[in-house]
N, C-alpha and C. Protein backbone atom coordinates (compact mmCIF):
# COMPACT_ATOMS: atom_id res chain seq x y z
N UNK A 1 16.19 19.24 -11.69
CA UNK A 1 15.21 18.57 -10.70
C UNK A 1 13.62 19.17 -11.43
N UNK A 2 13.82 19.72 -13.08
CA UNK A 2 12.41 19.94 -13.65
C UNK A 2 11.45 18.95 -13.90
N UNK A 3 10.46 18.92 -13.77
CA UNK A 3 9.62 17.82 -14.23
C UNK A 3 9.27 16.83 -13.04
N UNK A 4 10.40 16.88 -12.12
CA UNK A 4 10.04 15.97 -11.03
C UNK A 4 8.99 16.40 -9.94
N UNK A 5 7.88 15.62 -9.13
CA UNK A 5 6.75 15.98 -9.08
C UNK A 5 7.38 16.29 -7.42
N UNK A 6 7.02 17.80 -6.52
CA UNK A 6 7.66 17.17 -5.47
C UNK A 6 6.76 18.09 -4.14
N UNK A 7 5.17 18.31 -4.94
CA UNK A 7 4.18 18.68 -3.87
C UNK A 7 3.42 17.47 -4.17
N UNK A 8 3.37 16.55 -3.09
CA UNK A 8 2.50 15.29 -3.04
C UNK A 8 1.45 15.24 -1.96
N UNK A 9 0.12 15.22 -2.86
CA UNK A 9 -1.36 15.08 -2.14
C UNK A 9 -1.31 14.02 -1.22
N UNK A 10 -1.87 13.78 0.18
CA UNK A 10 -2.20 12.86 0.86
C UNK A 10 -3.96 12.84 0.67
N UNK A 11 -4.17 13.71 0.37
CA UNK A 11 -5.96 13.59 -0.04
C UNK A 11 -5.81 14.02 -1.89
N UNK A 12 -6.49 12.88 -2.38
CA UNK A 12 -6.21 12.91 -4.36
C UNK A 12 -6.61 14.44 -4.46
N UNK A 13 -5.89 15.31 -5.16
CA UNK A 13 -6.33 16.56 -6.01
C UNK A 13 -7.71 15.87 -6.90
N UNK A 14 -7.63 15.06 -7.56
CA UNK A 14 -8.21 14.34 -8.68
C UNK A 14 -9.75 14.45 -7.62
N UNK A 15 -10.03 13.42 -6.47
CA UNK A 15 -11.06 13.51 -5.82
C UNK A 15 -11.30 14.99 -5.16
N UNK A 16 -10.65 16.04 -4.81
CA UNK A 16 -11.02 17.14 -4.29
C UNK A 16 -12.08 17.77 -5.57
N UNK A 17 -11.08 17.99 -6.85
CA UNK A 17 -11.51 18.18 -8.11
C UNK A 17 -13.10 18.12 -7.97
N UNK A 18 -13.54 16.79 -7.51
CA UNK A 18 -15.13 16.53 -7.67
C UNK A 18 -16.00 17.57 -6.80
N UNK A 19 -15.37 18.12 -6.18
CA UNK A 19 -16.52 18.78 -5.20
C UNK A 19 -16.13 20.28 -5.48
N UNK A 20 -15.54 20.60 -6.61
CA UNK A 20 -16.08 22.15 -7.65
C UNK A 20 -16.98 21.72 -8.19
N UNK A 21 -17.71 23.23 -8.12
CA UNK A 21 -19.44 23.74 -8.81
C UNK A 21 -18.78 23.73 -10.33
N UNK A 22 -19.60 23.40 -11.00
CA UNK A 22 -19.12 23.84 -12.83
C UNK A 22 -18.73 25.11 -12.83
N UNK A 23 -17.57 25.35 -13.34
CA UNK A 23 -16.86 26.86 -13.39
C UNK A 23 -16.36 27.61 -12.69
N UNK A 24 -16.49 26.78 -10.97
CA UNK A 24 -15.66 27.59 -10.16
C UNK A 24 -14.55 26.87 -10.08
N UNK A 25 -13.30 27.23 -9.23
CA UNK A 25 -12.10 26.85 -9.52
C UNK A 25 -11.56 26.84 -7.67
N UNK A 26 -12.57 27.10 -7.07
CA UNK A 26 -11.96 27.02 -5.41
C UNK A 26 -12.82 26.46 -4.41
N UNK A 27 -12.47 25.74 -3.56
CA UNK A 27 -13.29 25.21 -2.79
C UNK A 27 -13.20 25.93 -1.47
N UNK A 28 -15.02 25.84 -0.81
CA UNK A 28 -14.69 26.60 0.47
C UNK A 28 -14.41 25.63 1.77
N UNK A 29 -13.47 25.99 2.23
CA UNK A 29 -12.56 25.03 3.22
C UNK A 29 -12.74 25.25 4.63
N UNK A 30 -12.44 24.49 5.56
CA UNK A 30 -12.21 24.75 7.03
C UNK A 30 -11.02 24.04 7.09
N UNK A 31 -10.02 24.65 8.17
CA UNK A 31 -9.01 24.22 8.78
C UNK A 31 -9.41 24.00 10.30
N UNK A 32 -8.51 22.85 10.77
CA UNK A 32 -8.59 22.67 12.09
C UNK A 32 -7.98 23.83 13.18
N UNK A 33 -7.10 24.45 12.36
CA UNK A 33 -6.57 25.83 13.39
C UNK A 33 -7.06 27.17 12.83
N UNK A 34 -7.91 26.89 11.84
CA UNK A 34 -8.64 28.26 11.52
C UNK A 34 -10.09 28.49 11.62
N UNK A 35 -10.27 29.34 12.18
CA UNK A 35 -12.05 29.73 12.77
C UNK A 35 -12.76 30.10 11.84
N UNK A 36 -12.29 30.57 10.27
CA UNK A 36 -12.96 30.94 9.50
C UNK A 36 -13.19 30.07 8.12
N UNK A 37 -13.74 29.89 7.42
CA UNK A 37 -13.98 29.03 6.18
C UNK A 37 -12.88 30.30 5.08
N UNK A 38 -12.52 29.31 4.63
CA UNK A 38 -10.95 30.21 3.43
C UNK A 38 -11.54 29.36 1.90
N UNK A 39 -11.31 30.03 1.04
CA UNK A 39 -11.08 29.66 -0.10
C UNK A 39 -9.89 29.31 -1.10
N UNK A 40 -9.79 28.36 -1.67
CA UNK A 40 -8.60 27.75 -2.31
C UNK A 40 -8.60 26.70 -3.52
N UNK A 41 -7.76 26.83 -4.29
CA UNK A 41 -8.00 25.71 -5.21
C UNK A 41 -7.44 24.10 -4.36
N UNK A 42 -7.94 23.06 -4.71
CA UNK A 42 -7.94 22.01 -4.76
C UNK A 42 -6.00 21.45 -4.68
N UNK A 43 -5.46 22.24 -5.53
CA UNK A 43 -3.90 21.51 -5.75
C UNK A 43 -3.26 22.30 -4.48
N UNK A 44 -3.81 23.49 -3.73
CA UNK A 44 -3.50 24.02 -2.54
C UNK A 44 -3.87 23.07 -1.28
N UNK A 45 -4.46 22.29 -1.37
CA UNK A 45 -4.88 21.46 0.03
C UNK A 45 -4.45 19.83 0.01
N UNK A 46 -4.13 19.99 1.27
CA UNK A 46 -3.85 18.33 1.53
C UNK A 46 -2.71 17.74 0.87
N UNK A 47 -1.75 18.51 1.16
CA UNK A 47 -0.21 18.17 0.10
C UNK A 47 1.01 18.50 1.24
N UNK A 48 2.18 17.88 0.92
CA UNK A 48 3.48 18.13 1.14
C UNK A 48 4.07 17.80 0.57
N UNK A 49 5.65 18.75 1.10
CA UNK A 49 6.95 18.52 -0.15
C UNK A 49 7.50 17.21 0.39
N UNK A 50 7.63 16.53 -0.94
CA UNK A 50 7.97 15.26 -1.15
C UNK A 50 7.76 14.50 0.29
N UNK A 51 6.66 14.38 0.23
CA UNK A 51 5.82 13.68 1.50
C UNK A 51 6.24 11.92 1.07
N UNK A 52 6.09 11.85 -0.32
CA UNK A 52 6.31 9.89 -0.45
C UNK A 52 7.76 10.02 -0.94
N UNK A 53 8.54 10.93 -0.76
CA UNK A 53 10.02 10.69 -1.49
C UNK A 53 11.16 10.62 -0.60
N UNK A 54 12.19 10.16 -1.18
CA UNK A 54 13.35 10.48 -0.39
C UNK A 54 14.59 10.73 -0.98
N UNK A 55 15.61 11.03 -0.32
CA UNK A 55 16.90 11.14 -1.03
C UNK A 55 17.64 9.94 -1.12
N UNK A 56 18.09 9.77 -2.17
CA UNK A 56 18.93 8.33 -2.70
C UNK A 56 20.59 8.43 -1.86
N UNK A 57 21.32 7.41 -1.74
CA UNK A 57 22.83 7.86 -1.54
C UNK A 57 23.58 8.80 -2.33
N UNK A 58 23.16 8.97 -3.55
CA UNK A 58 23.88 9.52 -4.73
C UNK A 58 23.36 11.12 -4.67
N UNK A 59 22.35 11.07 -3.80
CA UNK A 59 22.08 12.73 -3.94
C UNK A 59 20.37 12.95 -4.66
N UNK A 60 20.23 12.24 -5.33
CA UNK A 60 19.09 11.99 -6.52
C UNK A 60 17.87 11.67 -5.38
N UNK A 61 16.48 12.49 -5.71
CA UNK A 61 15.31 12.01 -5.18
C UNK A 61 14.53 11.33 -6.24
N UNK A 62 14.16 10.42 -5.24
CA UNK A 62 13.63 8.82 -5.62
C UNK A 62 12.07 9.49 -4.97
N UNK A 63 11.13 9.38 -6.30
CA UNK A 63 9.70 10.31 -6.16
C UNK A 63 8.88 8.86 -7.28
N UNK A 64 9.35 7.43 -6.97
CA UNK A 64 8.62 6.25 -7.42
C UNK A 64 7.44 6.08 -6.75
N UNK A 65 7.41 6.08 -5.29
CA UNK A 65 6.02 5.75 -4.88
C UNK A 65 5.01 6.70 -4.94
N UNK A 66 5.07 7.91 -5.34
CA UNK A 66 4.31 9.16 -5.64
C UNK A 66 3.83 8.73 -6.96
N UNK A 67 4.36 8.28 -7.76
CA UNK A 67 4.07 7.91 -9.01
C UNK A 67 3.64 6.63 -9.17
N UNK A 68 3.84 5.39 -8.17
CA UNK A 68 2.93 4.31 -8.48
C UNK A 68 1.57 4.41 -7.85
N UNK A 69 1.93 5.28 -6.96
CA UNK A 69 0.17 5.63 -6.34
C UNK A 69 -0.84 6.42 -7.34
N UNK A 70 -0.24 7.14 -8.08
CA UNK A 70 -0.88 7.50 -9.28
C UNK A 70 -1.50 6.55 -10.36
N UNK A 71 -0.32 5.97 -10.44
CA UNK A 71 -0.66 5.08 -11.56
C UNK A 71 -2.18 3.55 -11.17
N UNK A 72 -1.28 3.24 -10.35
CA UNK A 72 -1.94 2.19 -9.46
C UNK A 72 -3.28 1.90 -8.75
N UNK A 73 -3.41 3.30 -8.10
CA UNK A 73 -4.48 3.40 -7.16
C UNK A 73 -5.03 4.58 -7.46
N UNK A 74 -4.74 5.75 -7.77
CA UNK A 74 -5.76 7.25 -8.00
C UNK A 74 -6.39 7.13 -9.59
N UNK A 75 -5.18 6.92 -10.32
CA UNK A 75 -5.85 6.90 -11.97
C UNK A 75 -6.83 6.19 -12.45
N UNK A 76 -6.62 4.72 -11.77
CA UNK A 76 -8.10 3.50 -11.71
C UNK A 76 -9.38 4.34 -11.13
N UNK A 77 -8.96 4.74 -10.01
CA UNK A 77 -9.92 4.70 -8.75
C UNK A 77 -10.74 5.97 -8.92
N UNK A 78 -10.23 7.13 -9.16
CA UNK A 78 -11.28 8.33 -9.72
C UNK A 78 -12.02 8.00 -10.32
N UNK A 79 -12.03 7.40 -11.50
CA UNK A 79 -12.78 7.07 -12.59
C UNK A 79 -14.35 6.49 -11.44
N UNK A 80 -14.26 5.32 -11.13
CA UNK A 80 -15.21 4.77 -10.14
C UNK A 80 -15.55 5.37 -9.48
N UNK A 81 -15.34 6.57 -8.42
CA UNK A 81 -16.18 7.47 -7.90
C UNK A 81 -16.89 8.49 -8.62
N UNK A 82 -16.63 8.90 -9.51
CA UNK A 82 -16.90 9.73 -10.52
C UNK A 82 -18.34 8.97 -11.02
N UNK A 83 -18.12 7.59 -11.54
CA UNK A 83 -19.11 6.75 -11.80
C UNK A 83 -20.51 6.55 -10.43
N UNK A 84 -20.01 6.13 -9.54
CA UNK A 84 -20.64 6.27 -8.58
C UNK A 84 -21.68 7.72 -8.04
N UNK A 85 -20.70 8.99 -8.27
CA UNK A 85 -21.13 10.10 -8.23
C UNK A 85 -22.67 10.66 -9.32
N UNK A 86 -22.35 9.93 -10.09
CA UNK A 86 -23.00 10.16 -11.82
C UNK A 86 -24.28 9.16 -11.01
N UNK A 87 -24.65 8.75 -9.83
CA UNK A 87 -25.43 7.50 -9.69
C UNK A 87 -25.61 6.24 -10.41
N UNK A 88 -24.50 5.64 -10.73
CA UNK A 88 -24.24 4.86 -11.20
C UNK A 88 -23.74 3.79 -10.14
N UNK A 89 -24.82 2.85 -9.71
CA UNK A 89 -24.09 2.24 -8.32
C UNK A 89 -23.64 0.58 -8.74
N UNK A 90 -24.09 0.27 -10.06
CA UNK A 90 -23.96 -1.57 -10.42
C UNK A 90 -22.52 -1.40 -10.89
N UNK A 91 -21.41 -1.22 -10.11
CA UNK A 91 -20.05 -1.45 -10.95
C UNK A 91 -19.65 -2.84 -10.36
N UNK A 92 -18.78 -3.05 -11.72
CA UNK A 92 -18.19 -4.38 -11.41
C UNK A 92 -17.54 -4.69 -10.26
N UNK A 93 -17.29 -6.09 -9.90
CA UNK A 93 -16.27 -6.31 -9.35
C UNK A 93 -14.96 -5.79 -9.11
N UNK A 94 -14.39 -5.64 -10.58
CA UNK A 94 -13.01 -5.17 -10.79
C UNK A 94 -13.07 -3.70 -10.03
N UNK A 95 -14.51 -3.10 -10.39
CA UNK A 95 -14.57 -1.67 -9.79
C UNK A 95 -14.65 -1.71 -8.54
N UNK A 96 -15.09 -2.46 -7.70
CA UNK A 96 -15.34 -2.38 -6.27
C UNK A 96 -13.65 -2.79 -6.12
N UNK A 97 -13.06 -3.53 -6.67
CA UNK A 97 -11.68 -3.96 -6.03
C UNK A 97 -10.79 -2.48 -6.09
N UNK A 98 -11.02 -2.16 -7.23
CA UNK A 98 -10.33 -0.72 -7.49
C UNK A 98 -10.70 0.36 -6.27
N UNK A 99 -12.07 0.55 -6.25
CA UNK A 99 -12.38 1.84 -5.26
C UNK A 99 -11.82 1.13 -3.71
N UNK A 100 -11.91 -0.13 -3.47
CA UNK A 100 -11.92 -0.74 -1.86
C UNK A 100 -10.06 -0.05 -1.94
N UNK A 101 -9.52 -0.01 -2.62
CA UNK A 101 -7.89 0.10 -2.56
C UNK A 101 -7.77 1.72 -2.72
N UNK A 102 -8.35 2.43 -3.19
CA UNK A 102 -8.33 3.72 -2.89
C UNK A 102 -8.41 4.58 -1.80
N UNK A 103 -9.83 3.83 -1.03
CA UNK A 103 -10.01 3.98 0.23
C UNK A 103 -9.41 3.60 1.27
N UNK A 104 -8.53 2.73 1.18
CA UNK A 104 -7.70 1.62 1.89
C UNK A 104 -6.78 3.01 2.07
N UNK A 105 -6.14 2.99 1.06
CA UNK A 105 -5.17 3.44 0.88
C UNK A 105 -4.74 5.11 1.24
N UNK A 106 -6.24 5.56 0.87
CA UNK A 106 -6.62 7.24 1.56
C UNK A 106 -6.60 6.73 3.13
N UNK A 107 -7.19 5.94 3.68
CA UNK A 107 -7.07 5.61 5.15
C UNK A 107 -5.63 5.65 6.02
N UNK A 108 -4.92 5.37 5.24
CA UNK A 108 -3.23 5.03 6.16
C UNK A 108 -2.04 5.99 5.63
N UNK A 109 -2.40 6.84 4.67
CA UNK A 109 -1.29 7.65 4.02
C UNK A 109 -1.74 9.01 4.85
N UNK A 110 -2.50 9.27 5.34
CA UNK A 110 -2.60 10.76 5.89
C UNK A 110 -1.57 10.91 7.19
N UNK A 111 -1.04 12.16 7.49
CA UNK A 111 -0.36 12.28 8.45
C UNK A 111 -0.30 11.67 9.41
N UNK A 112 -1.79 11.88 9.89
CA UNK A 112 -1.64 11.07 11.44
C UNK A 112 -1.34 9.84 11.32
N UNK A 113 -1.82 9.11 10.61
CA UNK A 113 -1.39 7.81 10.80
C UNK A 113 -0.43 7.34 10.44
N UNK A 114 0.71 8.40 9.24
CA UNK A 114 1.96 7.85 9.14
C UNK A 114 2.80 8.29 10.37
N UNK A 115 2.57 9.48 10.66
CA UNK A 115 3.20 9.73 11.92
C UNK A 115 3.34 8.58 13.07
N UNK A 116 2.15 8.02 13.40
CA UNK A 116 1.77 6.92 14.19
C UNK A 116 2.73 6.03 14.19
N UNK A 117 2.40 5.20 12.50
CA UNK A 117 3.60 4.01 12.31
C UNK A 117 5.12 4.43 12.42
N UNK A 118 5.58 5.89 12.34
CA UNK A 118 7.07 5.98 12.66
C UNK A 118 7.47 6.33 13.93
N UNK A 119 6.43 6.94 14.84
CA UNK A 119 6.46 6.61 16.00
C UNK A 119 6.67 5.60 16.93
N UNK A 120 5.73 4.57 16.59
CA UNK A 120 5.61 3.60 16.74
C UNK A 120 6.60 2.40 16.77
N UNK A 121 7.35 2.37 15.46
CA UNK A 121 8.64 1.98 15.23
C UNK A 121 9.41 2.36 16.22
N UNK A 122 9.64 3.10 16.43
CA UNK A 122 10.51 4.20 16.83
C UNK A 122 10.39 3.52 18.18
N UNK A 123 9.66 3.88 18.57
CA UNK A 123 9.68 3.41 20.46
C UNK A 123 9.50 1.72 20.63
N UNK A 124 9.40 1.05 19.60
CA UNK A 124 9.83 -0.52 19.23
C UNK A 124 10.91 -0.52 19.91
N UNK A 125 11.95 -0.12 18.72
CA UNK A 125 13.59 0.16 19.08
C UNK A 125 13.81 0.53 20.24
N UNK A 126 13.23 1.83 20.96
CA UNK A 126 13.89 2.26 21.94
C UNK A 126 13.86 0.86 23.08
N UNK A 127 12.50 0.52 22.79
CA UNK A 127 12.26 -0.64 24.17
C UNK A 127 12.88 -1.60 23.99
N UNK A 128 13.77 -2.22 22.92
CA UNK A 128 14.50 -3.15 22.68
C UNK A 128 16.05 -3.21 23.42
N UNK A 129 16.32 -1.63 23.50
CA UNK A 129 17.46 -1.38 24.07
C UNK A 129 17.22 -1.20 25.39
N UNK A 130 15.87 -0.79 25.83
CA UNK A 130 15.71 -0.69 27.17
C UNK A 130 15.72 -2.59 27.96
N UNK A 131 15.34 -3.17 27.03
CA UNK A 131 15.31 -4.10 27.42
C UNK A 131 16.61 -5.02 27.83
N UNK A 132 17.33 -4.71 26.87
CA UNK A 132 18.81 -5.44 27.05
C UNK A 132 19.21 -4.97 28.04
N UNK A 133 19.42 -3.13 28.61
CA UNK A 133 19.48 -2.66 29.44
C UNK A 133 18.86 -3.30 30.98
N UNK A 134 18.01 -3.67 30.74
CA UNK A 134 17.28 -4.37 32.01
C UNK A 134 18.11 -5.80 32.28
N UNK A 135 18.26 -6.35 31.39
CA UNK A 135 18.76 -7.93 31.16
C UNK A 135 19.84 -7.76 31.99
N UNK A 136 20.87 -6.35 31.59
CA UNK A 136 22.21 -6.60 31.87
C UNK A 136 22.42 -6.39 33.37
N UNK A 137 21.38 -5.52 33.83
CA UNK A 137 21.45 -5.12 35.23
C UNK A 137 21.26 -6.37 35.98
N UNK A 138 19.96 -7.17 35.62
CA UNK A 138 19.53 -8.34 36.09
C UNK A 138 20.50 -9.51 36.16
N UNK A 139 21.45 -9.66 35.03
CA UNK A 139 22.45 -10.51 34.80
C UNK A 139 23.65 -10.02 35.35
N UNK A 140 24.35 -9.05 35.64
CA UNK A 140 25.19 -8.25 36.15
C UNK A 140 26.78 -8.61 34.93
N UNK A 141 25.61 -8.42 34.06
CA UNK A 141 27.01 -8.52 32.80
C UNK A 141 26.10 -7.77 31.45
N UNK A 142 26.94 -7.76 30.16
CA UNK A 142 26.11 -6.94 29.37
C UNK A 142 25.22 -8.13 28.27
N UNK A 143 24.29 -7.23 27.97
CA UNK A 143 23.70 -8.29 27.13
C UNK A 143 23.50 -7.41 25.47
N UNK A 144 23.62 -7.64 25.03
CA UNK A 144 23.24 -6.93 23.46
C UNK A 144 22.82 -7.74 22.39
N UNK A 145 21.73 -8.76 22.67
CA UNK A 145 20.95 -9.28 21.74
C UNK A 145 19.66 -9.84 22.27
N UNK A 146 18.51 -9.70 21.74
CA UNK A 146 17.41 -10.46 22.20
C UNK A 146 16.82 -11.36 21.07
N UNK A 147 15.96 -11.91 21.65
CA UNK A 147 15.43 -13.12 20.78
C UNK A 147 13.92 -12.29 20.55
N UNK A 148 13.01 -11.97 19.77
CA UNK A 148 11.86 -11.58 19.00
C UNK A 148 11.41 -12.02 18.27
N UNK A 149 9.69 -12.33 18.92
CA UNK A 149 8.97 -13.31 18.17
C UNK A 149 7.97 -12.17 17.14
N UNK A 150 7.92 -13.01 15.99
CA UNK A 150 7.12 -12.71 15.36
C UNK A 150 5.65 -13.21 14.84
N UNK A 151 4.31 -12.44 15.21
CA UNK A 151 3.01 -12.80 15.00
C UNK A 151 2.68 -11.96 14.56
N UNK A 152 1.01 -12.50 13.30
CA UNK A 152 0.31 -11.84 12.95
C UNK A 152 -0.52 -11.02 13.82
N UNK A 153 -0.61 -11.56 15.38
CA UNK A 153 -1.18 -10.66 16.44
C UNK A 153 -0.42 -10.71 17.85
N UNK A 154 -0.49 -10.07 18.83
CA UNK A 154 0.03 -10.34 19.95
C UNK A 154 -0.75 -11.47 20.84
N UNK A 155 -0.46 -12.49 20.01
CA UNK A 155 -0.68 -13.91 21.05
C UNK A 155 0.05 -14.88 20.34
N UNK A 156 0.60 -15.45 21.73
CA UNK A 156 1.73 -16.27 21.72
C UNK A 156 1.39 -17.53 20.63
N UNK A 157 0.50 -17.84 20.85
CA UNK A 157 -0.01 -19.34 20.10
C UNK A 157 0.00 -18.91 18.35
N UNK A 158 0.29 -17.73 18.08
CA UNK A 158 0.53 -17.21 16.49
C UNK A 158 1.97 -17.41 16.32
N UNK A 159 2.56 -17.51 16.81
CA UNK A 159 4.12 -17.05 16.66
C UNK A 159 4.81 -17.80 15.33
N UNK A 160 5.24 -17.33 14.52
CA UNK A 160 5.38 -17.46 13.21
C UNK A 160 7.13 -18.17 13.25
N UNK A 161 7.87 -17.04 13.88
CA UNK A 161 9.44 -17.29 13.68
C UNK A 161 9.93 -16.50 14.99
N UNK A 162 11.00 -16.49 15.33
CA UNK A 162 12.09 -16.21 16.50
C UNK A 162 13.26 -14.97 15.46
N UNK A 163 12.93 -13.86 16.06
CA UNK A 163 14.05 -13.46 15.27
C UNK A 163 15.43 -12.33 15.98
N UNK A 164 16.48 -12.58 15.88
CA UNK A 164 17.66 -12.01 16.64
C UNK A 164 17.79 -10.14 16.68
N UNK A 165 17.40 -9.92 17.56
CA UNK A 165 17.93 -8.30 17.65
C UNK A 165 19.29 -8.14 17.95
N UNK A 166 19.96 -7.19 17.34
CA UNK A 166 21.31 -7.21 17.98
C UNK A 166 21.76 -5.63 18.20
N UNK A 167 22.00 -5.55 19.35
CA UNK A 167 21.84 -4.13 20.05
C UNK A 167 22.58 -3.09 18.85
N UNK A 168 23.53 -3.16 17.98
CA UNK A 168 24.39 -2.89 17.27
C UNK A 168 23.58 -2.38 16.03
N UNK A 169 22.55 -3.56 15.68
CA UNK A 169 21.84 -3.51 14.73
C UNK A 169 20.48 -2.31 14.49
N UNK A 170 20.03 -2.01 16.08
CA UNK A 170 18.79 -1.53 16.86
C UNK A 170 19.47 -0.03 16.53
N UNK A 171 20.54 0.17 17.28
CA UNK A 171 21.49 1.81 16.97
C UNK A 171 21.63 1.79 15.72
N UNK A 172 21.76 1.44 14.86
CA UNK A 172 21.81 1.51 13.59
C UNK A 172 20.47 1.91 12.71
N UNK A 173 19.51 1.05 13.20
CA UNK A 173 18.03 1.54 13.02
C UNK A 173 17.75 2.51 13.32
N UNK A 174 18.05 3.06 14.42
CA UNK A 174 17.42 4.45 15.33
C UNK A 174 18.65 5.71 14.35
N UNK A 175 19.65 5.20 14.12
CA UNK A 175 20.48 6.13 13.33
C UNK A 175 19.76 6.69 11.86
N UNK A 176 19.23 5.60 11.30
CA UNK A 176 18.46 5.58 10.09
C UNK A 176 17.04 6.60 10.14
N UNK A 177 16.56 6.18 11.18
CA UNK A 177 15.56 6.97 11.44
C UNK A 177 15.35 8.61 11.44
N UNK A 178 16.65 8.54 12.31
CA UNK A 178 17.25 10.31 12.61
C UNK A 178 17.43 10.80 10.96
N UNK A 179 17.87 9.84 10.30
CA UNK A 179 17.94 10.45 8.86
C UNK A 179 16.72 10.98 7.95
N UNK A 180 16.06 9.74 8.14
CA UNK A 180 15.06 9.92 7.31
C UNK A 180 13.81 9.42 8.00
N UNK A 181 12.98 10.22 8.82
CA UNK A 181 12.05 9.86 9.82
C UNK A 181 10.58 9.59 9.29
N UNK A 182 10.56 9.82 8.27
CA UNK A 182 9.47 9.09 7.01
C UNK A 182 9.29 7.46 6.91
N UNK A 183 10.76 7.32 7.18
CA UNK A 183 11.32 5.89 6.40
C UNK A 183 10.19 5.04 6.53
N UNK A 184 9.93 4.37 7.62
CA UNK A 184 9.15 3.45 8.28
C UNK A 184 7.52 3.41 7.38
N UNK A 185 7.18 4.25 7.72
CA UNK A 185 5.86 4.70 7.30
C UNK A 185 5.45 4.75 5.78
N UNK A 186 6.81 5.09 5.24
CA UNK A 186 6.66 4.97 3.39
C UNK A 186 6.55 3.72 3.18
N UNK A 187 7.63 2.67 3.48
CA UNK A 187 7.96 1.59 3.28
C UNK A 187 6.67 0.79 3.82
N UNK A 188 5.97 1.08 4.74
CA UNK A 188 4.88 0.31 4.69
C UNK A 188 3.36 0.43 4.77
N UNK A 189 3.02 1.44 4.53
CA UNK A 189 1.65 2.07 4.13
C UNK A 189 1.39 1.55 3.41
N UNK A 190 1.54 1.43 2.07
CA UNK A 190 1.14 0.86 0.39
C UNK A 190 0.64 -0.86 1.04
N UNK A 191 1.91 -1.43 1.53
CA UNK A 191 1.33 -2.76 1.71
C UNK A 191 0.03 -3.28 3.01
N UNK A 192 0.18 -1.65 3.57
CA UNK A 192 -0.65 -1.92 4.66
C UNK A 192 -2.35 -1.64 4.04
N UNK A 193 -2.47 -0.89 3.03
CA UNK A 193 -3.75 -0.45 2.46
C UNK A 193 -3.88 -1.88 1.49
N UNK A 194 -3.39 -2.50 0.84
CA UNK A 194 -3.61 -3.62 0.31
C UNK A 194 -4.44 -4.87 1.35
N UNK A 195 -4.42 -5.02 2.66
CA UNK A 195 -4.72 -5.93 3.34
C UNK A 195 -5.98 -5.27 4.06
N UNK A 196 -5.80 -4.09 4.44
CA UNK A 196 -7.19 -3.34 4.27
C UNK A 196 -8.23 -3.27 3.40
N UNK A 197 -7.98 -2.96 2.43
CA UNK A 197 -8.68 -3.37 1.03
C UNK A 197 -9.13 -4.27 0.38
N UNK A 198 -8.41 -5.53 0.90
CA UNK A 198 -9.55 -6.61 1.11
C UNK A 198 -10.56 -6.85 2.24
N UNK A 199 -10.70 -6.33 3.45
CA UNK A 199 -11.34 -6.16 4.53
C UNK A 199 -12.86 -5.20 3.96
N UNK A 200 -12.45 -3.92 3.16
CA UNK A 200 -13.29 -3.13 2.26
C UNK A 200 -13.86 -3.86 1.42
N UNK A 201 -13.33 -4.79 0.40
CA UNK A 201 -14.22 -4.88 -0.27
C UNK A 201 -15.16 -6.25 -0.02
N UNK A 202 -15.16 -6.71 0.82
CA UNK A 202 -15.88 -7.24 1.46
C UNK A 202 -17.01 -7.00 2.19
N UNK A 203 -17.06 -5.93 2.45
CA UNK A 203 -18.24 -4.72 3.45
C UNK A 203 -19.32 -4.47 2.45
N UNK A 204 -20.60 -4.14 3.17
CA UNK A 204 -21.56 -3.28 2.58
C UNK A 204 -21.20 -2.18 2.55
N UNK A 205 -21.76 -1.91 1.38
CA UNK A 205 -21.58 -0.33 1.01
C UNK A 205 -22.79 0.44 1.02
N UNK A 206 -22.45 1.71 1.72
CA UNK A 206 -23.83 2.61 1.22
C UNK A 206 -23.06 3.90 0.65
N UNK A 207 -24.30 4.23 -0.27
CA UNK A 207 -23.43 5.67 -1.19
C UNK A 207 -24.88 6.71 -0.71
N UNK A 208 -24.04 8.01 -0.48
CA UNK A 208 -25.15 8.93 0.09
C UNK A 208 -24.76 10.24 -0.73
N UNK A 209 -26.38 10.71 -1.48
CA UNK A 209 -26.67 11.83 -2.49
C UNK A 209 -27.07 13.07 -2.03
N UNK A 210 -26.39 13.80 -2.00
CA UNK A 210 -27.33 15.41 -1.73
C UNK A 210 -28.67 15.44 -2.76
N UNK A 211 -29.81 15.96 -1.74
CA UNK A 211 -30.83 15.79 -2.53
C UNK A 211 -31.30 17.32 -2.99
N UNK A 212 -32.00 17.48 -4.08
CA UNK A 212 -32.40 19.12 -4.57
C UNK A 212 -31.09 19.94 -4.71
N UNK A 213 -31.12 21.31 -4.29
CA UNK A 213 -30.08 22.46 -4.21
C UNK A 213 -29.17 22.14 -2.97
N UNK A 214 -29.38 20.98 -2.03
CA UNK A 214 -28.42 21.01 -0.92
C UNK A 214 -27.26 21.01 -1.41
N UNK A 215 -26.11 21.53 -0.12
CA UNK A 215 -24.98 22.02 -0.12
C UNK A 215 -24.49 20.68 1.16
N UNK A 216 -23.24 20.32 1.05
CA UNK A 216 -23.08 19.18 2.46
C UNK A 216 -21.54 19.45 2.27
N UNK A 217 -21.13 19.23 3.36
CA UNK A 217 -19.82 19.00 3.73
C UNK A 217 -19.10 17.69 4.29
N UNK A 218 -18.01 17.07 3.67
CA UNK A 218 -17.43 15.91 3.70
C UNK A 218 -16.42 15.95 4.70
């Protein structure tokens, strides 16, 4: 297991490093459940063990998503933040796209958002079973499948297709979620960030700078 990244940040360490004063190694932090500030290094903040990884069927760890985030999002995005921090606000269109992707990914990869995606998916699966049970009682016989519409928004006029969900398949998906609770969000948030980035890229941006010797909390 040597060399495999196991401590994954959901707030980029290189971004946190940008708040260090010259020569300093620790940040002054406030935690949601801590009443007093505390000092710690950026590598110890906003991370979880195997946050983006999962165990393959052969028992090995797949950490490719962690590598993908570092290569495609963080490595190109952090230099753009550093450029803005230095007061160089005339960034290129490509840099704007790169930064939009970094901001978008940051918005959807945090634990709160990932937990929401995972719990929402599980609740949807349970609701399908509940609907089948309700139809079984209404019809007086077993109902083991549903036709579910697929639409970009909750609007019947936008239905793109119908999908058949079978009870056995729903039960199997619930079993998989028990074994790998973070699977849904792990397989979803990266693509979701792409869609969000398209919106952010077209928005007007405001960059704030601290004046004089002012310190600030973000």
